[in-house]
Amino acid sequence: QVQLVESGGGLVQAGGSLRLSCAASGRAFSIYAMGWFRQAPGKEREFVASVSWSGGRTYYADSVKGRFTLFRDNIRNTVYLQMNSLRPEDTAVYYCAGDRRPYGNDLSQADVGSWGQGTQVTVSS
């Protein structure tokens, strides 16, 4: 069982930047794909970005490509989401997620084995 704790959310102006962090504990972090999902009020949770277990592959939702960057630090057991050029439509609760499978590449919601508690990101216009 892995615990995921997000931090770094907050209020930013449109066009601004924010960096989210997700600290993991409880299992071998370095062999699991990690990712971020988000959920706005009244909407379904959606995929944002993920990184493979090796760090060699990244995947991004079309809505965030070119603006968000996901990377991992295996020494600190932490995954980061750097968000630039933020838009009001990025406003949501962002959830860190860990794969249920070792050595995974992509990460769909069906593959998630662990969820963080969520951190609020609000982008003002």
Protein backbone atom coordinates (compact mmCIF):
# COMPACT_ATOMS: atom_id res chain seq x y z
CA GLN A 1 0.00 0.00 0.00
CA VAL A 2 1.30 3.38 -1.00
CA GLN A 3 0.43 6.77 0.42
CA LEU A 4 0.45 9.76 -1.90
CA VAL A 5 0.43 13.29 -0.56
CA GLU A 6 0.01 16.24 -2.91
CA SER A 7 1.07 19.79 -2.26
CA GLY A 8 1.62 23.00 -4.16
CA GLY A 9 -1.91 23.91 -5.15
CA GLY A 10 -3.23 27.41 -4.78
CA LEU A 11 -4.61 30.45 -6.51
CA VAL A 12 -2.85 31.92 -9.53
CA GLN A 13 -3.70 34.38 -12.25
CA ALA A 14 -4.27 33.25 -15.80
CA GLY A 15 -0.94 32.92 -17.56
CA GLY A 16 0.84 32.13 -14.33
CA SER A 17 2.65 29.02 -13.20
CA LEU A 18 2.35 26.52 -10.42
CA ARG A 19 4.27 23.40 -9.45
CA LEU A 20 2.52 20.48 -7.80
CA SER A 21 4.38 17.86 -5.82
CA CYS A 22 3.38 14.35 -4.88
CA ALA A 23 5.36 12.52 -2.23
CA ALA A 24 5.01 8.75 -2.15
CA SER A 25 5.67 6.24 0.57
CA GLY A 26 4.81 2.64 1.38
CA ARG A 27 6.19 0.74 -1.58
CA ALA A 28 8.91 0.77 -4.20
CA PHE A 29 8.19 4.09 -5.88
CA SER A 30 10.70 3.74 -8.67
CA ILE A 31 9.06 0.77 -10.40
CA TYR A 32 5.59 2.27 -10.78
CA ALA A 33 4.21 4.68 -13.31
CA MET A 34 2.86 7.86 -11.75
CA GLY A 35 0.46 10.47 -12.95
CA TRP A 36 -1.93 13.30 -12.34
CA PHE A 37 -5.67 13.53 -12.83
CA ARG A 38 -8.01 16.40 -12.15
CA GLN A 39 -11.65 16.93 -11.42
CA ALA A 40 -13.64 20.13 -11.68
CA PRO A 41 -17.00 20.56 -9.92
CA GLY A 42 -19.74 18.73 -11.78
CA LYS A 43 -17.29 17.06 -14.13
CA GLU A 44 -15.73 13.64 -14.35
CA ARG A 45 -12.20 13.06 -13.28
CA GLU A 46 -9.90 13.34 -16.28
CA PHE A 47 -6.37 12.40 -17.15
CA VAL A 48 -3.78 15.15 -17.12
CA ALA A 49 -0.34 13.60 -17.43
CA SER A 50 1.69 10.55 -16.51
CA VAL A 51 5.24 9.30 -16.52
CA SER A 52 6.41 5.73 -16.97
CA TRP A 53 8.13 3.79 -14.23
CA SER A 54 11.48 4.46 -15.88
CA GLY A 55 10.85 8.14 -16.44
CA GLY A 56 11.55 7.59 -20.12
CA ARG A 57 8.03 8.11 -21.39
CA THR A 58 5.55 10.84 -20.65
CA TYR A 59 1.95 11.26 -21.69
CA TYR A 60 -0.15 14.39 -21.69
CA ALA A 61 -3.76 15.23 -22.29
CA ASP A 62 -4.21 17.33 -25.41
CA SER A 63 -5.52 20.17 -23.30
CA VAL A 64 -2.23 20.56 -21.42
CA LYS A 65 0.39 19.65 -24.02
CA GLY A 66 3.04 22.30 -24.31
CA ARG A 67 2.03 23.87 -21.01
CA PHE A 68 2.46 21.16 -18.38
CA THR A 69 5.52 19.04 -17.68
CA LEU A 70 5.58 15.93 -15.53
CA PHE A 71 8.78 14.59 -14.06
CA ARG A 72 9.87 12.34 -11.23
CA ASP A 73 12.63 12.29 -8.66
CA ASN A 74 13.19 8.72 -7.54
CA ILE A 75 15.67 9.73 -4.87
CA ARG A 76 13.01 11.77 -3.09
CA ASN A 77 10.12 9.48 -4.10
CA THR A 78 8.37 12.49 -5.53
CA VAL A 79 6.62 13.29 -8.77
CA TYR A 80 6.11 16.87 -9.93
CA LEU A 81 3.73 18.60 -12.27
CA GLN A 82 5.01 21.91 -13.57
CA MET A 83 2.08 23.92 -14.89
CA ASN A 84 2.72 26.97 -17.04
CA SER A 85 0.45 29.30 -18.97
CA LEU A 86 -2.41 28.37 -16.71
CA ARG A 87 -5.95 29.00 -17.86
CA PRO A 88 -9.21 29.31 -15.91
CA GLU A 89 -10.31 25.99 -17.36
CA ASP A 90 -7.40 24.36 -15.54
CA THR A 91 -9.20 25.05 -12.28
CA ALA A 92 -9.82 21.74 -10.56
CA VAL A 93 -8.78 19.47 -7.75
CA TYR A 94 -5.64 17.73 -8.88
CA TYR A 95 -5.00 14.17 -7.75
CA CYS A 96 -1.74 12.33 -7.78
CA ALA A 97 -2.03 8.69 -8.82
CA GLY A 98 0.13 5.61 -8.75
CA ASP A 99 -0.07 2.59 -11.02
CA ARG A 100 -1.27 -0.69 -9.56
CA ARG A 101 1.17 -2.53 -11.83
CA PRO A 102 4.95 -2.51 -11.64
CA TYR A 103 6.93 -1.40 -14.67
CA GLY A 104 4.01 0.29 -16.37
CA ASN A 105 4.31 2.92 -19.07
CA ASP A 106 0.98 4.66 -19.54
CA LEU A 107 -1.51 5.21 -16.73
CA SER A 108 -5.25 5.17 -17.25
CA GLN A 109 -7.77 5.57 -14.45
CA ALA A 110 -8.47 1.84 -14.61
CA ASP A 111 -4.81 1.18 -13.86
CA VAL A 112 -4.60 3.42 -10.81
CA GLY A 113 -3.97 1.61 -7.57
CA SER A 114 -3.38 4.56 -5.26
CA TRP A 115 -4.79 8.08 -5.11
CA GLY A 116 -3.65 11.15 -3.28
CA GLN A 117 -6.05 13.32 -1.31
CA GLY A 118 -6.12 16.05 -3.92
CA THR A 119 -4.92 19.63 -4.02
CA GLN A 120 -6.97 22.57 -5.24
CA VAL A 121 -5.75 24.62 -8.17
CA THR A 122 -7.67 27.78 -8.94
CA VAL A 123 -6.83 29.98 -11.91
CA SER A 124 -8.40 33.40 -11.95
CA SER A 125 -9.19 35.31 -15.12
